[in-house]
Amino acid sequence: MTAQLALLDSTPSWRISEETRRVGRTGLAEARAALHSVPRRVYDDHHLAPTPVITSPSPAPDLHRPAA
């Protein structure tokens, strides 16, 4: 067999325009700049740091119950 039939079109039917890419890159750059501009909180005394909220996981369901 020297050739195979092309049953499906393998080229994508959509493309992101260069304008959309530019807008996305600009938005990412602005978001990164905003995150970098916020000062980090540094606590010299760890007792002054906010306590993280830790929730315990819910118990696993009992899958080995006897049939009713």
Protein backbone atom coordinates (compact mmCIF):
# COMPACT_ATOMS: atom_id res chain seq x y z
CA MET A 1 0.00 0.00 0.00
CA THR A 2 1.59 3.26 -1.05
CA ALA A 3 -1.00 5.76 0.16
CA GLN A 4 -3.60 5.90 2.89
CA LEU A 5 -6.95 7.60 2.59
CA ALA A 6 -7.39 10.73 4.68
CA LEU A 7 -10.59 10.02 6.59
CA LEU A 8 -10.43 12.94 9.01
CA ASP A 9 -9.25 16.48 8.49
CA SER A 10 -6.33 16.89 10.90
CA THR A 11 -6.03 20.66 10.60
CA PRO A 12 -7.67 22.59 13.44
CA SER A 13 -10.81 24.47 12.49
CA TRP A 14 -10.02 27.42 14.75
CA ARG A 15 -7.09 29.71 15.40
CA ILE A 16 -6.51 32.34 18.05
CA SER A 17 -5.88 35.66 16.37
CA GLU A 18 -2.71 37.60 17.06
CA GLU A 19 -4.82 40.40 18.58
CA THR A 20 -6.34 37.91 21.07
CA ARG A 21 -2.87 36.61 21.93
CA ARG A 22 -1.62 40.17 22.46
CA VAL A 23 -4.53 41.02 24.75
CA GLY A 24 -3.96 37.82 26.74
CA ARG A 25 -0.24 38.46 27.14
CA THR A 26 -0.93 42.03 28.24
CA GLY A 27 -3.47 40.84 30.80
CA LEU A 28 -1.04 38.28 32.21
CA ALA A 29 1.71 40.88 32.47
CA GLU A 30 -0.64 43.28 34.30
CA ALA A 31 -1.78 40.54 36.70
CA ARG A 32 1.80 39.53 37.46
CA ALA A 33 2.79 43.15 38.05
CA ALA A 34 -0.16 43.62 40.41
CA LEU A 35 0.80 40.52 42.40
CA HIS A 36 4.43 41.60 42.63
CA SER A 37 3.48 45.10 43.78
CA VAL A 38 1.67 43.89 46.91
CA PRO A 39 4.00 43.82 49.92
CA ARG A 40 4.35 40.50 51.67
CA ARG A 41 3.50 40.25 55.31
CA VAL A 42 6.50 39.22 57.35
CA TYR A 43 5.96 38.35 60.98
CA ASP A 44 9.01 38.59 63.22
CA ASP A 45 7.06 36.90 65.97
CA HIS A 46 5.23 33.80 64.74
CA HIS A 47 2.67 34.27 67.54
CA LEU A 48 1.40 37.39 65.75
CA ALA A 49 0.81 35.56 62.48
CA PRO A 50 -2.78 34.62 61.68
CA THR A 51 -3.68 31.07 62.56
CA PRO A 52 -4.40 28.99 59.47
CA VAL A 53 -7.82 27.39 59.35
CA ILE A 54 -7.40 23.63 59.21
CA THR A 55 -10.47 21.52 58.75
CA SER A 56 -10.38 17.84 59.45
CA PRO A 57 -11.47 15.62 56.60
CA SER A 58 -14.85 13.99 56.83
CA PRO A 59 -14.80 10.30 57.74
CA ALA A 60 -14.73 7.84 54.89
CA PRO A 61 -18.04 6.16 54.15
CA ASP A 62 -18.48 2.62 55.43
CA LEU A 63 -18.68 0.60 52.24
CA HIS A 64 -18.74 -2.75 54.02
CA ARG A 65 -22.17 -2.53 55.61
CA PRO A 66 -24.19 -5.74 55.69
CA ALA A 67 -27.00 -5.91 53.16
CA ALA A 68 -30.44 -5.05 54.53
